[in-house]
């Protein structure tokens, strides 16, 4: 019997800034996991991953990450990535973003 499909989000790293980004339902990249499109169909997940992989000038390392049905990370790795860097006392993990703020487009 096949294993049931686990909900997924498409995630990658922003090419220029290196930030973790997530694909939204309206084909935009965001830095907030809560805004990511939660995909509940395997064929559609593969389609969305192909869409992400066709954007080499924007993102790198796109893959499907398991999430719970409400969009929370299903594994420690994704929870850690969503929190941002923790090796310095500023940045996303501490509610701040150093340097100039990027445009709303990832």
C-alpha atoms as a PDB file:
ATOM      1  CA  UNK A   1       0.000   0.000   0.000  1.00  0.00           C
ATOM      2  CA  UNK A   2       1.467   3.399  -0.963  1.00  0.00           C
ATOM      3  CA  UNK A   3       2.477   5.793   1.760  1.00  0.00           C
ATOM      4  CA  UNK A   4       0.064   8.768   2.042  1.00  0.00           C
ATOM      5  CA  UNK A   5       1.326  12.031   0.609  1.00  0.00           C
ATOM      6  CA  UNK A   6       2.700  14.446   3.194  1.00  0.00           C
ATOM      7  CA  UNK A   7       1.894  18.144   2.579  1.00  0.00           C
ATOM      8  CA  UNK A   8       4.823  20.088   1.125  1.00  0.00           C
ATOM      9  CA  UNK A   9       6.097  23.582   0.461  1.00  0.00           C
ATOM     10  CA  UNK A  10       8.622  24.563  -2.198  1.00  0.00           C
ATOM     11  CA  UNK A  11      11.677  26.104  -0.592  1.00  0.00           C
ATOM     12  CA  UNK A  12      15.024  27.335  -1.898  1.00  0.00           C
ATOM     13  CA  UNK A  13      17.704  29.911  -1.203  1.00  0.00           C
ATOM     14  CA  UNK A  14      17.610  33.363  -2.731  1.00  0.00           C
ATOM     15  CA  UNK A  15      20.449  33.520  -5.243  1.00  0.00           C
ATOM     16  CA  UNK A  16      21.859  36.929  -4.283  1.00  0.00           C
ATOM     17  CA  UNK A  17      21.082  37.231  -0.563  1.00  0.00           C
ATOM     18  CA  UNK A  18      21.179  33.555   0.403  1.00  0.00           C
ATOM     19  CA  UNK A  19      17.992  33.831   2.475  1.00  0.00           C
ATOM     20  CA  UNK A  20      15.654  30.875   2.780  1.00  0.00           C
ATOM     21  CA  UNK A  21      12.612  31.560   0.601  1.00  0.00           C
ATOM     22  CA  UNK A  22       9.295  29.831  -0.014  1.00  0.00           C
ATOM     23  CA  UNK A  23       7.058  29.745  -3.070  1.00  0.00           C
ATOM     24  CA  UNK A  24       3.629  31.314  -2.615  1.00  0.00           C
ATOM     25  CA  UNK A  25       0.411  30.367  -4.413  1.00  0.00           C
ATOM     26  CA  UNK A  26       0.736  33.487  -6.619  1.00  0.00           C
ATOM     27  CA  UNK A  27       4.203  32.465  -7.904  1.00  0.00           C
ATOM     28  CA  UNK A  28       6.143  34.883  -5.712  1.00  0.00           C
ATOM     29  CA  UNK A  29       9.003  34.095  -3.330  1.00  0.00           C
ATOM     30  CA  UNK A  30       8.605  35.054   0.336  1.00  0.00           C
ATOM     31  CA  UNK A  31      10.801  34.725   3.413  1.00  0.00           C
ATOM     32  CA  UNK A  32       7.952  33.772   5.768  1.00  0.00           C
ATOM     33  CA  UNK A  33       6.959  30.105   5.896  1.00  0.00           C
ATOM     34  CA  UNK A  34       3.442  31.107   6.970  1.00  0.00           C
ATOM     35  CA  UNK A  35       2.912  32.698   3.521  1.00  0.00           C
ATOM     36  CA  UNK A  36       4.090  29.642   1.581  1.00  0.00           C
ATOM     37  CA  UNK A  37       1.708  27.604  -0.535  1.00  0.00           C
ATOM     38  CA  UNK A  38       0.954  24.300   1.226  1.00  0.00           C
ATOM     39  CA  UNK A  39       0.704  21.624  -1.468  1.00  0.00           C
ATOM     40  CA  UNK A  40      -1.386  18.540  -0.774  1.00  0.00           C
ATOM     41  CA  UNK A  41      -1.124  16.745  -4.130  1.00  0.00           C
ATOM     42  CA  UNK A  42       1.985  14.898  -5.320  1.00  0.00           C
ATOM     43  CA  UNK A  43       1.591  15.694  -9.028  1.00  0.00           C
ATOM     44  CA  UNK A  44       0.996  19.384  -8.287  1.00  0.00           C
ATOM     45  CA  UNK A  45       3.995  19.405  -5.932  1.00  0.00           C
ATOM     46  CA  UNK A  46       6.201  18.126  -8.753  1.00  0.00           C
ATOM     47  CA  UNK A  47       4.807  20.820 -11.064  1.00  0.00           C
ATOM     48  CA  UNK A  48       5.524  23.583  -8.534  1.00  0.00           C
ATOM     49  CA  UNK A  49       9.047  22.263  -7.968  1.00  0.00           C
ATOM     50  CA  UNK A  50       9.666  22.367 -11.733  1.00  0.00           C
ATOM     51  CA  UNK A  51       8.437  25.970 -11.758  1.00  0.00           C
ATOM     52  CA  UNK A  52      10.945  26.825  -9.015  1.00  0.00           C
ATOM     53  CA  UNK A  53      13.814  25.041 -10.725  1.00  0.00           C
ATOM     54  CA  UNK A  54      13.131  27.088 -13.874  1.00  0.00           C
ATOM     55  CA  UNK A  55      14.186  30.276 -12.016  1.00  0.00           C
ATOM     56  CA  UNK A  56      17.990  29.932 -11.796  1.00  0.00           C
ATOM     57  CA  UNK A  57      18.432  33.719 -11.812  1.00  0.00           C
ATOM     58  CA  UNK A  58      16.358  34.058  -8.633  1.00  0.00           C
ATOM     59  CA  UNK A  59      16.760  30.940  -6.469  1.00  0.00           C
ATOM     60  CA  UNK A  60      19.071  27.964  -6.046  1.00  0.00           C
ATOM     61  CA  UNK A  61      18.642  24.568  -4.448  1.00  0.00           C
ATOM     62  CA  UNK A  62      14.859  24.326  -4.718  1.00  0.00           C
ATOM     63  CA  UNK A  63      13.256  21.297  -3.100  1.00  0.00           C
ATOM     64  CA  UNK A  64      10.012  20.080  -1.551  1.00  0.00           C
ATOM     65  CA  UNK A  65       9.933  20.277   2.247  1.00  0.00           C
ATOM     66  CA  UNK A  66       7.463  18.372   4.406  1.00  0.00           C
ATOM     67  CA  UNK A  67       5.061  20.463   6.467  1.00  0.00           C
ATOM     68  CA  UNK A  68       2.030  19.747   8.609  1.00  0.00           C
ATOM     69  CA  UNK A  69      -1.408  20.363   7.047  1.00  0.00           C
ATOM     70  CA  UNK A  70      -1.448  23.843   8.678  1.00  0.00           C
ATOM     71  CA  UNK A  71       1.968  24.717   7.175  1.00  0.00           C
ATOM     72  CA  UNK A  72       4.242  24.235  10.193  1.00  0.00           C
ATOM     73  CA  UNK A  73       7.610  22.545   9.617  1.00  0.00           C
ATOM     74  CA  UNK A  74       7.383  18.765   9.919  1.00  0.00           C
ATOM     75  CA  UNK A  75      11.108  18.291  10.596  1.00  0.00           C
ATOM     76  CA  UNK A  76      13.742  20.005  12.701  1.00  0.00           C
ATOM     77  CA  UNK A  77      15.778  21.007   9.632  1.00  0.00           C
ATOM     78  CA  UNK A  78      12.926  23.057   8.196  1.00  0.00           C
ATOM     79  CA  UNK A  79      12.118  24.643  11.549  1.00  0.00           C
ATOM     80  CA  UNK A  80      15.782  25.628  11.842  1.00  0.00           C
ATOM     81  CA  UNK A  81      15.890  27.030   8.274  1.00  0.00           C
ATOM     82  CA  UNK A  82      12.664  28.999   8.852  1.00  0.00           C
ATOM     83  CA  UNK A  83      14.217  30.619  11.937  1.00  0.00           C
ATOM     84  CA  UNK A  84      17.168  32.018  10.050  1.00  0.00           C
ATOM     85  CA  UNK A  85      20.820  32.277  11.070  1.00  0.00           C
ATOM     86  CA  UNK A  86      21.581  31.957  14.761  1.00  0.00           C
ATOM     87  CA  UNK A  87      25.321  32.572  14.768  1.00  0.00           C
ATOM     88  CA  UNK A  88      25.021  36.271  15.531  1.00  0.00           C
ATOM     89  CA  UNK A  89      22.750  38.338  17.815  1.00  0.00           C
ATOM     90  CA  UNK A  90      20.773  39.991  15.039  1.00  0.00           C
ATOM     91  CA  UNK A  91      18.979  38.933  11.895  1.00  0.00           C
ATOM     92  CA  UNK A  92      15.801  37.025  11.224  1.00  0.00           C
ATOM     93  CA  UNK A  93      16.228  34.678  14.193  1.00  0.00           C
ATOM     94  CA  UNK A  94      16.185  37.713  16.496  1.00  0.00           C
ATOM     95  CA  UNK A  95      13.437  39.694  14.759  1.00  0.00           C
ATOM     96  CA  UNK A  96      15.794  41.980  12.827  1.00  0.00           C
ATOM     97  CA  UNK A  97      17.275  42.101   9.375  1.00  0.00           C
ATOM     98  CA  UNK A  98      20.736  43.664   9.092  1.00  0.00           C
ATOM     99  CA  UNK A  99      21.607  45.995   6.246  1.00  0.00           C
ATOM    100  CA  UNK A 100      19.264  47.539   3.695  1.00  0.00           C
ATOM    101  CA  UNK A 101      15.789  46.078   3.435  1.00  0.00           C
ATOM    102  CA  UNK A 102      15.170  44.161   0.197  1.00  0.00           C
ATOM    103  CA  UNK A 103      12.252  44.938  -2.056  1.00  0.00           C
ATOM    104  CA  UNK A 104       9.025  42.983  -1.544  1.00  0.00           C
ATOM    105  CA  UNK A 105      10.073  40.679  -4.389  1.00  0.00           C
ATOM    106  CA  UNK A 106      12.356  37.876  -3.220  1.00  0.00           C
END
